[in-house]
């Protein structure tokens, strides 16, 4: 199966017959002003906490061409909360970033 994330904001969900569910999304978000956090809510709950991976880059329209890391802060079957960090591991507060993420788990 090929999932095309495109070039702009896009999202999707795939439920496979074997019980695997894949959810994905991408777009601009602004990290929390004091904590550097971003919450990712799944459009449909997984049976249990899924595997989650994302990539983050700066707002290129504002001249920010850096890529950023993240730390998982909270995970559940309905959402993941991440802390966006810079190359020194420090929280990236109140900044606009482009996120692409994918979560893979079970729906049955």
Protein backbone atom coordinates (compact mmCIF):
# COMPACT_ATOMS: atom_id res chain seq x y z
CA UNK A 1 0.00 0.00 0.00
CA UNK A 2 1.32 3.45 -0.90
CA UNK A 3 0.32 6.43 1.21
CA UNK A 4 1.07 9.76 -0.43
CA UNK A 5 1.39 12.62 2.06
CA UNK A 6 1.43 15.22 -0.73
CA UNK A 7 2.99 18.65 -0.35
CA UNK A 8 0.41 20.54 1.73
CA UNK A 9 -1.74 19.66 4.70
CA UNK A 10 -3.13 16.17 4.32
CA UNK A 11 -4.36 13.36 6.52
CA UNK A 12 -5.68 9.88 6.24
CA UNK A 13 -6.48 6.58 7.82
CA UNK A 14 -6.13 3.02 6.53
CA UNK A 15 -7.70 0.03 8.26
CA UNK A 16 -6.31 -3.24 7.01
CA UNK A 17 -8.20 -6.57 7.16
CA UNK A 18 -5.55 -8.05 9.48
CA UNK A 19 -6.41 -5.48 12.18
CA UNK A 20 -3.59 -3.00 11.50
CA UNK A 21 -4.54 0.67 11.38
CA UNK A 22 -2.37 3.44 9.94
CA UNK A 23 -3.13 7.11 10.56
CA UNK A 24 -1.10 10.03 9.21
CA UNK A 25 -1.22 13.78 8.95
CA UNK A 26 0.94 16.78 8.19
CA UNK A 27 0.69 20.54 8.44
CA UNK A 28 1.82 23.57 10.40
CA UNK A 29 1.45 23.70 14.19
CA UNK A 30 2.66 26.15 16.83
CA UNK A 31 4.39 24.69 19.87
CA UNK A 32 3.25 25.69 23.35
CA UNK A 33 4.63 29.02 24.59
CA UNK A 34 5.92 27.74 27.93
CA UNK A 35 6.41 24.01 27.41
CA UNK A 36 7.20 23.57 23.68
CA UNK A 37 4.48 20.95 23.44
CA UNK A 38 2.28 19.81 20.59
CA UNK A 39 -0.62 17.37 20.97
CA UNK A 40 -1.46 15.03 18.09
CA UNK A 41 -5.02 13.68 18.31
CA UNK A 42 -5.89 10.58 16.31
CA UNK A 43 -9.08 10.78 14.25
CA UNK A 44 -9.98 7.26 15.41
CA UNK A 45 -8.81 5.61 18.63
CA UNK A 46 -6.43 2.67 18.40
CA UNK A 47 -7.03 -0.50 20.43
CA UNK A 48 -3.87 0.32 22.43
CA UNK A 49 -1.03 2.84 22.22
CA UNK A 50 0.33 2.84 18.64
CA UNK A 51 3.86 3.27 17.34
CA UNK A 52 4.44 6.92 16.42
CA UNK A 53 7.08 8.72 14.39
CA UNK A 54 7.28 12.25 13.01
CA UNK A 55 9.55 14.73 11.32
CA UNK A 56 9.62 18.44 12.11
CA UNK A 57 11.02 21.38 10.19
CA UNK A 58 10.88 25.10 10.64
CA UNK A 59 8.57 27.54 8.91
CA UNK A 60 10.37 28.01 5.60
CA UNK A 61 8.10 30.96 4.69
CA UNK A 62 9.61 32.78 7.70
CA UNK A 63 13.17 31.81 6.73
CA UNK A 64 13.51 28.93 9.23
CA UNK A 65 15.06 26.02 7.32
CA UNK A 66 16.12 23.96 10.36
CA UNK A 67 14.92 20.49 11.23
CA UNK A 68 13.91 19.79 14.83
CA UNK A 69 13.74 16.79 17.09
CA UNK A 70 11.12 15.76 19.60
CA UNK A 71 10.65 13.90 22.86
CA UNK A 72 7.55 11.85 23.56
CA UNK A 73 5.80 13.29 26.59
CA UNK A 74 2.49 11.45 26.75
CA UNK A 75 1.12 8.54 24.74
CA UNK A 76 -2.29 6.89 24.62
CA UNK A 77 -4.65 5.19 22.17
CA UNK A 78 -6.23 8.58 21.31
CA UNK A 79 -3.33 11.06 21.28
CA UNK A 80 0.40 11.65 21.51
CA UNK A 81 1.97 14.71 23.07
CA UNK A 82 5.48 15.65 22.01
CA UNK A 83 7.98 18.28 23.12
CA UNK A 84 9.69 19.94 20.16
CA UNK A 85 13.42 20.39 20.78
CA UNK A 86 16.24 22.17 18.98
CA UNK A 87 19.60 20.63 18.09
CA UNK A 88 20.79 21.18 21.69
CA UNK A 89 17.82 19.27 23.14
CA UNK A 90 16.17 22.41 24.51
CA UNK A 91 12.40 22.91 24.19
CA UNK A 92 11.35 24.97 21.15
CA UNK A 93 8.75 27.36 22.62
CA UNK A 94 5.96 29.15 20.77
CA UNK A 95 7.30 28.54 17.27
CA UNK A 96 5.57 27.52 14.07
CA UNK A 97 6.84 24.21 12.65
CA UNK A 98 5.75 21.84 9.91
CA UNK A 99 5.02 18.33 11.22
CA UNK A 100 4.58 15.09 9.27
CA UNK A 101 3.57 12.11 11.38
CA UNK A 102 2.42 8.53 11.10
CA UNK A 103 0.97 6.19 13.74
CA UNK A 104 0.64 2.43 13.31
CA UNK A 105 -1.31 0.17 15.64
CA UNK A 106 -4.30 -2.15 15.91
CA UNK A 107 -7.96 -1.40 15.37
CA UNK A 108 -9.16 -4.89 16.30
